[in-house]
Amino acid sequence: MSDDATKTETPVHAAWTPEGEVKPPTQPVSEDAVISAISTVFDPEIPVDIYQLGLIYAVEIADDGKVKVEMTLTTPSCPSAQELPHQVEEAVRGVEGVSDVLVEVVWDPPWDHSRMSEDARLALNMF
């Protein structure tokens, strides 16, 4: 009988402290992954994702996996004002390593067409 056949695997247990389970360090959250997730969110009235529209003003990623997104809307009376921030939060929450998400809607500076990417302008025929 070989030595391999007689060895048994030792079960791996998580580390614990009085505060609870200690999770192993995770990979840092990728800014590209967060932007890719945000790019899956579309304004239902516009066939371009909100990142290309220029609605995302800032993405901050903390070392502990918390992500803060500052975004705006095309207008304060946007019919999707309640939906879009929630959709952004859910999309970012699905990114590997993200521990928490805060989406803040800001109005300063106001959004205008100059914030759109060239691809978005082409898609909407806005030159």
N, C-alpha and C. Protein backbone atom coordinates (compact mmCIF):
# COMPACT_ATOMS: atom_id res chain seq x y z
N MET A 1 0.84 -1.16 0.00
CA MET A 1 0.00 0.00 0.00
C MET A 1 0.89 1.23 0.00
N SER A 2 0.55 2.22 -0.81
CA SER A 2 1.38 3.42 -0.88
C SER A 2 1.03 4.36 0.26
N ASP A 3 1.95 5.29 0.53
CA ASP A 3 1.71 6.28 1.58
C ASP A 3 0.49 7.14 1.27
N ASP A 4 0.22 7.41 -0.01
CA ASP A 4 -0.93 8.24 -0.38
C ASP A 4 -2.24 7.58 0.00
N ALA A 5 -2.33 6.29 -0.07
CA ALA A 5 -3.57 5.58 0.22
C ALA A 5 -3.88 5.61 1.71
N THR A 6 -2.88 5.73 2.56
CA THR A 6 -3.12 5.71 3.99
C THR A 6 -3.35 7.09 4.57
N LYS A 7 -3.08 8.14 3.81
CA LYS A 7 -3.27 9.50 4.31
C LYS A 7 -4.74 9.87 4.26
N THR A 8 -5.20 10.58 5.24
CA THR A 8 -6.55 11.11 5.23
C THR A 8 -6.47 12.62 5.20
N GLU A 9 -7.41 13.22 4.53
CA GLU A 9 -7.43 14.68 4.41
C GLU A 9 -7.90 15.29 5.72
N THR A 10 -7.20 16.32 6.15
CA THR A 10 -7.61 17.04 7.34
C THR A 10 -8.62 18.10 6.92
N PRO A 11 -9.80 18.13 7.57
CA PRO A 11 -10.79 19.13 7.18
C PRO A 11 -10.27 20.54 7.48
N VAL A 12 -10.62 21.45 6.60
CA VAL A 12 -10.22 22.84 6.78
C VAL A 12 -11.34 23.56 7.50
N HIS A 13 -10.99 24.25 8.56
CA HIS A 13 -11.97 25.00 9.34
C HIS A 13 -11.65 26.49 9.25
N ALA A 14 -12.69 27.28 9.33
CA ALA A 14 -12.50 28.73 9.31
C ALA A 14 -11.96 29.18 10.66
N ALA A 15 -11.26 30.29 10.66
CA ALA A 15 -10.78 30.86 11.92
C ALA A 15 -11.91 31.66 12.56
N TRP A 16 -11.93 31.64 13.89
CA TRP A 16 -12.98 32.35 14.62
C TRP A 16 -12.36 33.22 15.70
N THR A 17 -13.03 34.33 15.97
CA THR A 17 -12.69 35.19 17.10
C THR A 17 -13.97 35.38 17.89
N PRO A 18 -13.91 36.02 19.06
CA PRO A 18 -15.15 36.28 19.80
C PRO A 18 -16.17 37.09 18.98
N GLU A 19 -15.70 37.88 18.00
CA GLU A 19 -16.60 38.68 17.18
C GLU A 19 -17.23 37.87 16.05
N GLY A 20 -16.70 36.69 15.76
CA GLY A 20 -17.25 35.88 14.69
C GLY A 20 -16.16 35.32 13.79
N GLU A 21 -16.60 34.81 12.65
CA GLU A 21 -15.68 34.18 11.71
C GLU A 21 -14.75 35.22 11.10
N VAL A 22 -13.49 34.83 10.98
CA VAL A 22 -12.50 35.68 10.32
C VAL A 22 -12.38 35.17 8.89
N LYS A 23 -12.76 36.02 7.96
CA LYS A 23 -12.71 35.62 6.56
C LYS A 23 -11.32 35.90 6.01
N PRO A 24 -10.84 35.03 5.15
CA PRO A 24 -9.52 35.28 4.55
C PRO A 24 -9.58 36.53 3.69
N PRO A 25 -8.46 37.20 3.55
CA PRO A 25 -8.46 38.40 2.72
C PRO A 25 -8.87 38.06 1.29
N THR A 26 -9.63 38.95 0.70
CA THR A 26 -10.08 38.74 -0.66
C THR A 26 -9.24 39.59 -1.61
N GLN A 27 -9.36 39.27 -2.87
CA GLN A 27 -8.69 40.08 -3.88
C GLN A 27 -9.29 41.48 -3.85
N PRO A 28 -8.50 42.49 -4.13
CA PRO A 28 -9.05 43.83 -4.18
C PRO A 28 -10.12 43.91 -5.27
N VAL A 29 -11.10 44.75 -5.03
CA VAL A 29 -12.18 44.93 -6.01
C VAL A 29 -11.60 45.64 -7.23
N SER A 30 -11.89 45.11 -8.37
CA SER A 30 -11.39 45.66 -9.63
C SER A 30 -12.27 46.81 -10.10
N GLU A 31 -11.63 47.95 -10.38
CA GLU A 31 -12.38 49.10 -10.90
C GLU A 31 -13.01 48.74 -12.25
N ASP A 32 -12.29 47.99 -13.07
CA ASP A 32 -12.83 47.57 -14.36
C ASP A 32 -14.08 46.71 -14.19
N ALA A 33 -14.06 45.84 -13.18
CA ALA A 33 -15.22 44.98 -12.93
C ALA A 33 -16.42 45.80 -12.48
N VAL A 34 -16.17 46.82 -11.64
CA VAL A 34 -17.26 47.69 -11.19
C VAL A 34 -17.84 48.46 -12.38
N ILE A 35 -16.98 49.01 -13.22
CA ILE A 35 -17.45 49.76 -14.39
C ILE A 35 -18.20 48.83 -15.35
N SER A 36 -17.71 47.62 -15.53
CA SER A 36 -18.42 46.65 -16.38
C SER A 36 -19.81 46.35 -15.83
N ALA A 37 -19.89 46.22 -14.51
CA ALA A 37 -21.20 45.97 -13.89
C ALA A 37 -22.14 47.16 -14.09
N ILE A 38 -21.62 48.36 -13.88
CA ILE A 38 -22.44 49.56 -14.07
C ILE A 38 -22.90 49.66 -15.52
N SER A 39 -22.06 49.24 -16.44
CA SER A 39 -22.37 49.32 -17.87
C SER A 39 -23.49 48.39 -18.30
N THR A 40 -23.95 47.53 -17.40
CA THR A 40 -25.09 46.66 -17.72
C THR A 40 -26.42 47.36 -17.43
N VAL A 41 -26.36 48.56 -16.84
CA VAL A 41 -27.57 49.28 -16.47
C VAL A 41 -27.91 50.29 -17.58
N PHE A 42 -29.14 50.22 -18.06
CA PHE A 42 -29.61 51.09 -19.12
C PHE A 42 -30.79 51.93 -18.65
N ASP A 43 -30.82 53.18 -19.08
CA ASP A 43 -32.01 54.00 -18.91
C ASP A 43 -33.05 53.40 -19.85
N PRO A 44 -34.24 53.07 -19.36
CA PRO A 44 -35.21 52.40 -20.24
C PRO A 44 -35.65 53.24 -21.44
N GLU A 45 -35.45 54.54 -21.39
CA GLU A 45 -35.86 55.39 -22.50
C GLU A 45 -34.74 55.63 -23.51
N ILE A 46 -33.50 55.24 -23.16
CA ILE A 46 -32.35 55.53 -24.00
C ILE A 46 -31.57 54.22 -24.21
N PRO A 47 -31.30 53.86 -25.48
CA PRO A 47 -30.64 52.57 -25.74
C PRO A 47 -29.11 52.59 -25.55
N VAL A 48 -28.65 53.30 -24.54
CA VAL A 48 -27.21 53.39 -24.24
C VAL A 48 -27.07 53.19 -22.73
N ASP A 49 -26.02 52.47 -22.32
CA ASP A 49 -25.85 52.23 -20.89
C ASP A 49 -25.50 53.54 -20.17
N ILE A 50 -25.77 53.59 -18.87
CA ILE A 50 -25.62 54.84 -18.11
C ILE A 50 -24.17 55.28 -17.96
N TYR A 51 -23.23 54.34 -18.08
CA TYR A 51 -21.82 54.74 -18.01
C TYR A 51 -21.45 55.51 -19.27
N GLN A 52 -21.84 55.01 -20.43
CA GLN A 52 -21.56 55.69 -21.69
C GLN A 52 -22.31 57.02 -21.80
N LEU A 53 -23.47 57.10 -21.14
CA LEU A 53 -24.22 58.36 -21.12
C LEU A 53 -23.53 59.43 -20.28
N GLY A 54 -22.59 59.01 -19.44
CA GLY A 54 -21.89 59.97 -18.59
C GLY A 54 -22.63 60.27 -17.31
N LEU A 55 -23.50 59.36 -16.88
CA LEU A 55 -24.25 59.57 -15.64
C LEU A 55 -23.46 59.19 -14.39
N ILE A 56 -22.34 58.49 -14.56
CA ILE A 56 -21.51 58.10 -13.42
C ILE A 56 -20.42 59.15 -13.26
N TYR A 57 -20.42 59.81 -12.12
CA TYR A 57 -19.44 60.88 -11.86
C TYR A 57 -18.21 60.37 -11.12
N ALA A 58 -18.39 59.41 -10.22
CA ALA A 58 -17.25 58.92 -9.44
C ALA A 58 -17.51 57.51 -8.94
N VAL A 59 -16.43 56.73 -8.85
CA VAL A 59 -16.46 55.40 -8.25
C VAL A 59 -15.30 55.35 -7.28
N GLU A 60 -15.60 55.13 -6.01
CA GLU A 60 -14.56 55.02 -4.98
C GLU A 60 -14.61 53.61 -4.42
N ILE A 61 -13.45 52.97 -4.37
CA ILE A 61 -13.36 51.60 -3.87
C ILE A 61 -12.42 51.59 -2.67
N ALA A 62 -12.94 51.21 -1.52
CA ALA A 62 -12.14 51.13 -0.30
C ALA A 62 -11.44 49.78 -0.21
N ASP A 63 -10.40 49.72 0.59
CA ASP A 63 -9.63 48.48 0.76
C ASP A 63 -10.48 47.34 1.31
N ASP A 64 -11.54 47.67 2.06
CA ASP A 64 -12.38 46.64 2.66
C ASP A 64 -13.50 46.17 1.73
N GLY A 65 -13.48 46.62 0.47
CA GLY A 65 -14.48 46.17 -0.50
C GLY A 65 -15.72 47.03 -0.59
N LYS A 66 -15.77 48.10 0.18
CA LYS A 66 -16.93 49.00 0.09
C LYS A 66 -16.77 49.89 -1.14
N VAL A 67 -17.87 50.05 -1.88
CA VAL A 67 -17.85 50.84 -3.11
C VAL A 67 -18.87 51.96 -2.99
N LYS A 68 -18.42 53.17 -3.32
CA LYS A 68 -19.32 54.32 -3.36
C LYS A 68 -19.38 54.80 -4.80
N VAL A 69 -20.60 54.99 -5.29
CA VAL A 69 -20.81 55.46 -6.65
C VAL A 69 -21.58 56.78 -6.57
N GLU A 70 -21.04 57.81 -7.21
CA GLU A 70 -21.76 59.06 -7.36
C GLU A 70 -22.27 59.11 -8.78
N MET A 71 -23.57 59.31 -8.91
CA MET A 71 -24.18 59.35 -10.23
C MET A 71 -25.20 60.46 -10.29
N THR A 72 -25.60 60.77 -11.49
CA THR A 72 -26.65 61.75 -11.69
C THR A 72 -27.67 61.15 -12.64
N LEU A 73 -28.67 61.93 -12.96
CA LEU A 73 -29.68 61.54 -13.94
C LEU A 73 -29.73 62.60 -15.02
N THR A 74 -30.33 62.27 -16.15
CA THR A 74 -30.36 63.25 -17.24
C THR A 74 -31.13 64.50 -16.84
N THR A 75 -32.18 64.33 -16.04
CA THR A 75 -32.94 65.47 -15.52
C THR A 75 -33.46 65.12 -14.14
N PRO A 76 -33.73 66.12 -13.29
CA PRO A 76 -34.30 65.82 -11.97
C PRO A 76 -35.67 65.14 -12.06
N SER A 77 -36.38 65.35 -13.15
CA SER A 77 -37.70 64.74 -13.29
C SER A 77 -37.66 63.41 -14.06
N CYS A 78 -36.48 62.82 -14.16
CA CYS A 78 -36.30 61.55 -14.87
C CYS A 78 -37.27 60.49 -14.32
N PRO A 79 -38.07 59.86 -15.20
CA PRO A 79 -39.02 58.86 -14.72
C PRO A 79 -38.34 57.64 -14.07
N SER A 80 -37.06 57.44 -14.35
CA SER A 80 -36.33 56.29 -13.79
C SER A 80 -35.53 56.66 -12.54
N ALA A 81 -35.84 57.79 -11.95
CA ALA A 81 -35.06 58.29 -10.81
C ALA A 81 -35.00 57.31 -9.64
N GLN A 82 -36.04 56.53 -9.44
CA GLN A 82 -36.03 55.57 -8.34
C GLN A 82 -35.36 54.26 -8.74
N GLU A 83 -35.51 53.88 -10.00
CA GLU A 83 -35.00 52.58 -10.47
C GLU A 83 -33.50 52.55 -10.69
N LEU A 84 -32.98 53.55 -11.38
CA LEU A 84 -31.57 53.49 -11.81
C LEU A 84 -30.58 53.37 -10.66
N PRO A 85 -30.67 54.18 -9.60
CA PRO A 85 -29.71 54.00 -8.50
C PRO A 85 -29.78 52.61 -7.88
N HIS A 86 -30.98 52.08 -7.76
CA HIS A 86 -31.14 50.73 -7.20
C HIS A 86 -30.52 49.69 -8.14
N GLN A 87 -30.70 49.85 -9.45
CA GLN A 87 -30.11 48.92 -10.41
C GLN A 87 -28.58 48.99 -10.38
N VAL A 88 -28.04 50.19 -10.22
CA VAL A 88 -26.58 50.34 -10.10
C VAL A 88 -26.09 49.62 -8.85
N GLU A 89 -26.79 49.82 -7.74
CA GLU A 89 -26.38 49.17 -6.49
C GLU A 89 -26.37 47.66 -6.64
N GLU A 90 -27.43 47.11 -7.21
CA GLU A 90 -27.51 45.65 -7.38
C GLU A 90 -26.42 45.14 -8.32
N ALA A 91 -26.15 45.87 -9.39
CA ALA A 91 -25.11 45.43 -10.33
C ALA A 91 -23.74 45.42 -9.67
N VAL A 92 -23.42 46.47 -8.92
CA VAL A 92 -22.10 46.56 -8.26
C VAL A 92 -21.99 45.54 -7.14
N ARG A 93 -23.10 45.30 -6.44
CA ARG A 93 -23.08 44.32 -5.34
C ARG A 93 -22.69 42.93 -5.85
N GLY A 94 -22.94 42.65 -7.11
CA GLY A 94 -22.60 41.34 -7.68
C GLY A 94 -21.14 41.19 -8.08
N VAL A 95 -20.35 42.23 -7.95
CA VAL A 95 -18.94 42.17 -8.32
C VAL A 95 -18.17 41.44 -7.22
N GLU A 96 -17.29 40.55 -7.61
CA GLU A 96 -16.50 39.77 -6.65
C GLU A 96 -15.69 40.69 -5.74
N GLY A 97 -15.79 40.45 -4.45
CA GLY A 97 -15.02 41.20 -3.46
C GLY A 97 -15.74 42.41 -2.88
N VAL A 98 -16.86 42.80 -3.47
CA VAL A 98 -17.60 43.96 -2.96
C VAL A 98 -18.31 43.56 -1.68
N SER A 99 -18.07 44.33 -0.61
CA SER A 99 -18.69 44.03 0.68
C SER A 99 -19.91 44.91 0.95
N ASP A 100 -19.95 46.10 0.38
CA ASP A 100 -21.09 47.00 0.57
C ASP A 100 -21.08 48.02 -0.56
N VAL A 101 -22.25 48.59 -0.83
CA VAL A 101 -22.39 49.56 -1.93
C VAL A 101 -23.23 50.73 -1.44
N LEU A 102 -22.76 51.92 -1.75
CA LEU A 102 -23.54 53.14 -1.51
C LEU A 102 -23.62 53.87 -2.84
N VAL A 103 -24.84 54.14 -3.31
CA VAL A 103 -25.04 54.90 -4.53
C VAL A 103 -25.66 56.23 -4.12
N GLU A 104 -24.99 57.30 -4.49
CA GLU A 104 -25.46 58.63 -4.15
C GLU A 104 -25.79 59.37 -5.44
N VAL A 105 -27.01 59.92 -5.51
CA VAL A 105 -27.41 60.72 -6.67
C VAL A 105 -27.04 62.17 -6.37
N VAL A 106 -26.27 62.76 -7.28
CA VAL A 106 -25.82 64.15 -7.12
C VAL A 106 -26.32 64.96 -8.31
N TRP A 107 -26.47 66.26 -8.09
CA TRP A 107 -26.97 67.13 -9.16
C TRP A 107 -25.96 68.20 -9.57
N ASP A 108 -24.82 68.21 -8.92
CA ASP A 108 -23.82 69.22 -9.22
C ASP A 108 -22.52 68.51 -9.58
N PRO A 109 -21.99 68.66 -10.73
CA PRO A 109 -22.48 69.52 -11.82
C PRO A 109 -23.65 68.87 -12.54
N PRO A 110 -24.52 69.68 -13.12
CA PRO A 110 -25.65 69.10 -13.86
C PRO A 110 -25.16 68.33 -15.09
N TRP A 111 -25.88 67.28 -15.42
CA TRP A 111 -25.52 66.49 -16.60
C TRP A 111 -25.85 67.27 -17.87
N ASP A 112 -24.99 67.11 -18.88
CA ASP A 112 -25.30 67.62 -20.20
C ASP A 112 -24.70 66.68 -21.25
N HIS A 113 -25.01 66.90 -22.50
CA HIS A 113 -24.60 66.01 -23.59
C HIS A 113 -23.09 65.85 -23.72
N SER A 114 -22.33 66.82 -23.24
CA SER A 114 -20.87 66.73 -23.37
C SER A 114 -20.28 65.60 -22.53
N ARG A 115 -21.02 65.06 -21.60
CA ARG A 115 -20.53 63.98 -20.74
C ARG A 115 -20.66 62.61 -21.41
N MET A 116 -21.36 62.54 -22.51
CA MET A 116 -21.57 61.27 -23.20
C MET A 116 -20.30 60.85 -23.93
N SER A 117 -20.09 59.54 -24.00
CA SER A 117 -18.96 59.03 -24.78
C SER A 117 -19.25 59.21 -26.26
N GLU A 118 -18.20 59.11 -27.07
CA GLU A 118 -18.37 59.22 -28.51
C GLU A 118 -19.28 58.11 -29.04
N ASP A 119 -19.15 56.89 -28.47
CA ASP A 119 -20.01 55.79 -28.88
C ASP A 119 -21.47 56.09 -28.59
N ALA A 120 -21.75 56.70 -27.43
CA ALA A 120 -23.12 57.04 -27.08
C ALA A 120 -23.68 58.10 -28.02
N ARG A 121 -22.85 59.10 -28.36
CA ARG A 121 -23.30 60.13 -29.30
C ARG A 121 -23.62 59.53 -30.67
N LEU A 122 -22.77 58.60 -31.12
CA LEU A 122 -23.03 57.94 -32.40
C LEU A 122 -24.32 57.13 -32.35
N ALA A 123 -24.52 56.39 -31.27
CA ALA A 123 -25.72 55.56 -31.14
C ALA A 123 -26.98 56.39 -31.12
N LEU A 124 -26.90 57.60 -30.59
CA LEU A 124 -28.08 58.46 -30.47
C LEU A 124 -28.13 59.55 -31.55
N ASN A 125 -27.19 59.50 -32.49
CA ASN A 125 -27.10 60.53 -33.53
C ASN A 125 -27.03 61.93 -32.96
N MET A 126 -26.19 62.11 -31.97
CA MET A 126 -26.02 63.41 -31.32
C MET A 126 -24.56 63.81 -31.48
N PHE A 127 -24.29 64.65 -32.45
CA PHE A 127 -22.91 65.04 -32.73
C PHE A 127 -22.63 66.42 -32.21
